[in-house]
Amino acid sequence: MAISVDTVYKTVLLILNKEQRGFITPVEFNSLATQVQLEIFEKYFEDFNQQFRVAQNNSEYGNRLDNLDERMSIFKDNVALNFINLFPNPSYYTLPSSIYYIGDLFFQNEVTGKSYLMERVDPGQALLRNNSNYTKPSAINPIYTQQGGYSGGSSPGSPRIDIYGPDNGVLNLNSVRALCIRKPQDPVWAYTVGTLGQYEYSPIPGGTVIPTTGPVDFDLHVEEQTDVIIQILMYAGVVIRDPQIVQSAAQMVQQENINEKS
């Protein structure tokens, strides 16, 4: 279940207005919401690495590693790579822009009907293995190289994937896929402008809705709702130049981090 972008925005406005601290526009909120969601998402990888080094309890709901994996599972995906046909020059693949972190690559063998994982190697090693009678990659033991990007975070362009081993007789060109972590979708609070100039939430896209594509809820686990609100409030304090909000929200974030790691 996703976090409602409308609920978060209205909660943020309620807290700000209750204390008469100010107001943030939908455009400002959407920018802050995108930044906060990305920070929470990127922190998962750091937390996951840390929890691997910490002893876990085996209770059904108290294992932090399992709980963190559940939050990250929202972003786990299985996507097809883009085939770039440059005949008569060698063809290659690129990663979809939705991928944040690439895991295993695999393809379906047209002859056996089975799927095979591909081993990632350096370009130099790929040339050596491809020219060897003993280590030459095959249709059931393929390798690949990745160049022009990296498998973690956004980067200019898209990495080039070159596959060694399977030929066109066994390689289904449209079945090369990646197990990956996708990027979160940017949250959007969509609205129309009322007769008095007020902003009114619009759950349905089109017409006079801004943007016309309609709203997009947070792409995070529902358990993150409190953290999302607190962190947006912290940034909102910067926008409306209220240091007290920034300080209070920062203290809450710090305490939450301490609780999670203690």
Protein backbone atom coordinates (compact mmCIF):
# COMPACT_ATOMS: atom_id res chain seq x y z
CA MET A 1 0.00 0.00 0.00
CA ALA A 2 1.44 3.35 -1.07
CA ILE A 3 1.54 6.54 0.96
CA SER A 4 -1.16 8.98 -0.13
CA VAL A 5 0.40 12.17 -1.48
CA ASP A 6 -2.80 14.04 -0.60
CA THR A 7 -2.68 12.89 3.04
CA VAL A 8 0.96 13.93 3.41
CA TYR A 9 0.46 17.37 1.86
CA LYS A 10 -2.62 18.14 3.94
CA THR A 11 -0.87 16.95 7.12
CA VAL A 12 2.12 19.18 6.40
CA LEU A 13 -0.17 22.16 5.77
CA LEU A 14 -2.16 21.40 8.92
CA ILE A 15 0.97 21.44 11.09
CA LEU A 16 2.32 24.60 9.49
CA ASN A 17 -0.97 26.47 9.63
CA LYS A 18 -1.77 25.36 13.18
CA GLU A 19 1.41 27.05 14.35
CA GLN A 20 0.86 29.90 11.87
CA ARG A 21 4.25 29.19 10.38
CA GLY A 22 3.40 29.79 6.74
CA PHE A 23 2.37 27.96 3.58
CA ILE A 24 4.06 25.96 0.85
CA THR A 25 2.60 25.77 -2.65
CA PRO A 26 1.90 22.50 -4.50
CA VAL A 27 4.94 23.12 -6.72
CA GLU A 28 7.17 23.58 -3.67
CA PHE A 29 5.65 20.53 -1.98
CA ASN A 30 6.18 18.32 -5.05
CA SER A 31 9.85 19.31 -5.20
CA LEU A 32 10.36 18.67 -1.48
CA ALA A 33 8.45 15.39 -1.63
CA THR A 34 10.63 14.13 -4.50
CA GLN A 35 13.81 15.02 -2.61
CA VAL A 36 12.67 13.41 0.64
CA GLN A 37 11.51 10.21 -1.06
CA LEU A 38 14.86 9.90 -2.87
CA GLU A 39 16.79 10.39 0.38
CA ILE A 40 14.77 7.71 2.17
CA PHE A 41 15.14 5.35 -0.79
CA GLU A 42 18.93 5.81 -1.08
CA LYS A 43 19.32 5.32 2.66
CA TYR A 44 17.95 1.78 2.31
CA PHE A 45 21.23 0.60 0.76
CA GLU A 46 23.32 2.04 3.60
CA ASP A 47 20.95 0.60 6.22
CA PHE A 48 20.90 -2.79 4.51
CA ASN A 49 24.68 -2.96 4.55
CA GLN A 50 24.75 -1.98 8.22
CA GLN A 51 22.11 -4.50 9.29
CA PHE A 52 24.11 -7.32 7.66
CA ARG A 53 26.80 -6.65 10.28
CA VAL A 54 24.37 -6.66 13.21
CA ALA A 55 22.92 -9.71 14.93
CA GLN A 56 19.20 -10.06 14.17
CA ASN A 57 16.49 -11.47 16.41
CA ASN A 58 14.37 -14.23 14.92
CA SER A 59 10.95 -12.97 15.99
CA GLU A 60 8.32 -12.71 13.30
CA TYR A 61 8.14 -8.92 13.25
CA GLY A 62 11.36 -7.85 15.00
CA ASN A 63 13.97 -8.86 12.42
CA ARG A 64 15.20 -5.53 11.08
CA LEU A 65 16.87 -7.04 8.04
CA ASP A 66 13.61 -8.72 6.99
CA ASN A 67 11.64 -5.53 7.65
CA LEU A 68 14.08 -3.50 5.56
CA ASP A 69 13.96 -6.07 2.76
CA GLU A 70 10.16 -5.80 2.78
CA ARG A 71 10.41 -2.03 2.27
CA MET A 72 12.91 -2.48 -0.55
CA SER A 73 10.84 -5.22 -2.20
CA ILE A 74 8.54 -2.51 -3.60
CA PHE A 75 11.37 -1.53 -5.92
CA LYS A 76 12.53 -5.00 -6.97
CA ASP A 77 11.74 -5.63 -10.60
CA ASN A 78 12.40 -7.89 -13.57
CA VAL A 79 12.76 -5.81 -16.75
CA ALA A 80 13.71 -6.43 -20.38
CA LEU A 81 16.85 -4.78 -21.73
CA ASN A 82 16.70 -2.58 -24.81
CA PHE A 83 18.15 -4.29 -27.91
CA ILE A 84 20.17 -1.95 -30.15
CA ASN A 85 20.54 -3.43 -33.65
CA LEU A 86 23.53 -1.96 -35.50
CA PHE A 87 23.81 -4.63 -38.24
CA PRO A 88 26.31 -5.29 -39.81
CA ASN A 89 28.19 -3.90 -36.79
CA PRO A 90 27.94 -5.76 -33.46
CA SER A 91 24.64 -5.21 -31.67
CA TYR A 92 24.32 -4.55 -27.96
CA TYR A 93 21.84 -3.80 -25.18
CA THR A 94 21.11 -0.82 -22.95
CA LEU A 95 19.41 -0.57 -19.58
CA PRO A 96 15.96 1.01 -19.24
CA SER A 97 16.03 4.43 -17.58
CA SER A 98 13.85 3.07 -14.77
CA ILE A 99 16.73 0.97 -13.37
CA TYR A 100 18.54 2.34 -10.34
CA TYR A 101 20.68 -0.69 -9.48
CA ILE A 102 21.28 -3.72 -11.69
CA GLY A 103 21.52 -7.20 -10.20
CA ASP A 104 21.69 -10.41 -12.25
CA LEU A 105 21.24 -10.57 -16.02
CA PHE A 106 19.78 -13.64 -17.70
CA PHE A 107 18.46 -14.75 -21.08
CA GLN A 108 16.23 -17.48 -22.44
CA ASN A 109 17.86 -20.12 -24.64
CA GLU A 110 15.62 -20.65 -27.67
CA VAL A 111 16.80 -24.26 -28.12
CA THR A 112 16.54 -25.58 -24.56
CA GLY A 113 13.80 -23.18 -23.45
CA LYS A 114 15.73 -22.62 -20.22
CA SER A 115 16.94 -19.34 -18.74
CA TYR A 116 20.62 -18.84 -17.88
CA LEU A 117 22.33 -16.30 -15.66
CA MET A 118 25.14 -14.32 -17.25
CA GLU A 119 28.41 -13.59 -15.47
CA ARG A 120 29.63 -10.00 -15.49
CA VAL A 121 33.33 -9.55 -16.38
CA ASP A 122 35.67 -6.71 -17.33
CA PRO A 123 36.03 -5.97 -21.09
CA GLY A 124 39.65 -7.15 -21.09
CA GLN A 125 38.75 -10.42 -19.38
CA ALA A 126 35.90 -10.91 -21.84
CA LEU A 127 38.33 -10.74 -24.77
CA LEU A 128 40.72 -13.21 -23.13
CA ARG A 129 37.97 -15.70 -22.32
CA ASN A 130 36.35 -15.34 -25.72
CA ASN A 131 39.65 -16.24 -27.45
CA SER A 132 40.36 -19.24 -25.24
CA ASN A 133 39.34 -22.79 -26.07
CA TYR A 134 38.95 -23.60 -22.37
CA THR A 135 37.14 -20.55 -20.98
CA LYS A 136 35.20 -19.47 -24.07
CA PRO A 137 31.65 -18.46 -23.07
CA SER A 138 28.85 -20.61 -24.43
CA ALA A 139 25.08 -20.62 -24.79
CA ILE A 140 24.74 -22.15 -21.32
CA ASN A 141 27.66 -20.29 -19.74
CA PRO A 142 27.42 -16.73 -21.11
CA ILE A 143 29.23 -13.62 -19.92
CA TYR A 144 28.63 -9.91 -20.41
CA THR A 145 30.40 -6.58 -20.05
CA GLN A 146 28.99 -3.26 -18.93
CA GLN A 147 30.50 0.02 -20.09
CA GLY A 148 29.54 3.68 -20.18
CA GLY A 149 27.74 3.89 -16.84
CA TYR A 150 27.47 2.21 -13.49
CA SER A 151 25.01 -0.02 -11.67
CA GLY A 152 23.97 2.24 -8.84
CA GLY A 153 22.33 5.65 -8.95
CA SER A 154 21.57 7.88 -11.89
CA SER A 155 24.27 8.60 -14.48
CA PRO A 156 24.54 10.34 -17.86
CA GLY A 157 23.44 8.10 -20.69
CA SER A 158 22.77 4.41 -20.41
CA PRO A 159 25.41 1.68 -19.87
CA ARG A 160 26.18 -0.52 -22.87
CA ILE A 161 25.76 -4.27 -22.31
CA ASP A 162 27.71 -6.62 -24.61
CA ILE A 163 26.91 -10.35 -24.41
CA TYR A 164 29.38 -13.14 -25.20
CA GLY A 165 28.44 -16.78 -25.67
CA PRO A 166 24.98 -17.27 -27.15
CA ASP A 167 24.56 -16.68 -30.89
CA ASN A 168 21.43 -15.73 -32.78
CA GLY A 169 20.50 -19.40 -33.06
CA VAL A 170 19.81 -19.74 -29.36
CA LEU A 171 19.46 -16.15 -28.13
CA ASN A 172 15.99 -14.69 -28.02
CA LEU A 173 16.90 -11.05 -28.60
CA ASN A 174 13.87 -9.85 -26.69
CA SER A 175 14.34 -12.13 -23.68
CA VAL A 176 17.49 -10.62 -22.15
CA ARG A 177 16.32 -9.37 -18.78
CA ALA A 178 17.67 -7.89 -15.58
CA LEU A 179 16.79 -8.48 -11.95
CA CYS A 180 17.12 -4.98 -10.59
CA ILE A 181 16.10 -2.24 -8.21
CA ARG A 182 14.04 0.36 -10.04
CA LYS A 183 13.95 4.06 -9.29
CA PRO A 184 11.00 5.43 -7.26
CA GLN A 185 8.42 7.43 -9.14
CA ASP A 186 8.35 11.12 -8.26
CA PRO A 187 5.34 11.95 -6.04
CA VAL A 188 2.95 14.55 -7.43
CA TRP A 189 0.13 16.43 -5.72
CA ALA A 190 -2.12 17.31 -8.68
CA TYR A 191 -4.59 20.17 -8.38
CA THR A 192 -6.99 22.57 -10.00
CA VAL A 193 -7.40 26.24 -9.15
CA GLY A 194 -10.76 27.12 -7.57
CA THR A 195 -12.88 30.21 -8.12
CA LEU A 196 -11.19 31.94 -5.18
CA GLY A 197 -7.72 31.03 -6.37
CA GLN A 198 -7.41 28.16 -3.91
CA TYR A 199 -5.64 24.90 -4.71
CA GLU A 200 -7.99 21.90 -4.85
CA TYR A 201 -6.69 18.33 -4.98
CA SER A 202 -7.68 16.44 -8.13
CA PRO A 203 -7.43 12.62 -8.09
CA ILE A 204 -8.45 12.42 -11.77
CA PRO A 205 -6.03 13.49 -14.54
CA GLY A 206 -6.83 15.58 -17.60
CA GLY A 207 -8.70 18.79 -18.25
CA THR A 208 -7.53 21.72 -16.12
CA VAL A 209 -5.58 19.52 -13.71
CA ILE A 210 -2.00 20.60 -13.01
CA PRO A 211 -0.17 18.55 -14.14
CA THR A 212 -2.58 16.96 -16.61
CA THR A 213 -1.08 13.53 -15.91
CA GLY A 214 -2.69 13.61 -12.46
CA PRO A 215 -1.43 12.71 -8.99
CA VAL A 216 1.25 10.17 -8.10
CA ASP A 217 1.41 8.73 -4.57
CA PHE A 218 4.68 8.19 -2.74
CA ASP A 219 6.43 5.06 -3.97
CA LEU A 220 7.38 4.02 -0.43
CA HIS A 221 6.14 1.53 2.14
CA VAL A 222 3.31 2.91 4.28
CA GLU A 223 5.53 2.61 7.37
CA GLU A 224 7.60 5.52 6.02
CA GLN A 225 4.72 8.01 6.22
CA THR A 226 5.81 9.59 9.50
CA ASP A 227 9.41 10.00 8.32
CA VAL A 228 8.20 11.50 5.04
CA ILE A 229 6.10 14.13 6.84
CA ILE A 230 8.84 15.02 9.32
CA GLN A 231 11.50 15.42 6.65
CA ILE A 232 9.23 17.48 4.40
CA LEU A 233 8.51 19.74 7.38
CA MET A 234 12.25 20.17 7.89
CA TYR A 235 12.72 21.32 4.31
CA ALA A 236 9.55 23.41 4.49
CA GLY A 237 11.11 25.30 7.38
CA VAL A 238 13.98 26.25 5.07
CA VAL A 239 11.58 27.35 2.33
CA ILE A 240 9.54 29.58 4.63
CA ARG A 241 12.67 30.61 6.58
CA ASP A 242 11.55 29.35 9.96
CA PRO A 243 14.57 27.95 11.86
CA GLN A 244 12.39 26.59 14.68
CA ILE A 245 10.62 24.18 12.32
CA VAL A 246 13.95 23.10 10.84
CA GLN A 247 15.40 22.48 14.29
CA SER A 248 12.38 20.59 15.62
CA ALA A 249 12.08 18.39 12.54
CA ALA A 250 15.83 17.71 12.47
CA GLN A 251 15.73 16.57 16.10
CA MET A 252 12.86 14.20 15.33
CA VAL A 253 14.72 12.75 12.35
CA GLN A 254 17.87 12.30 14.45
CA GLN A 255 15.95 10.57 17.22
CA GLU A 256 14.25 8.28 14.72
CA ASN A 257 17.64 7.29 13.28
CA ILE A 258 18.96 6.57 16.79
CA ASN A 259 15.93 4.38 17.58
CA GLU A 260 16.36 2.41 14.36
CA LYS A 261 20.02 1.67 15.01
CA SER A 262 20.00 1.13 18.76
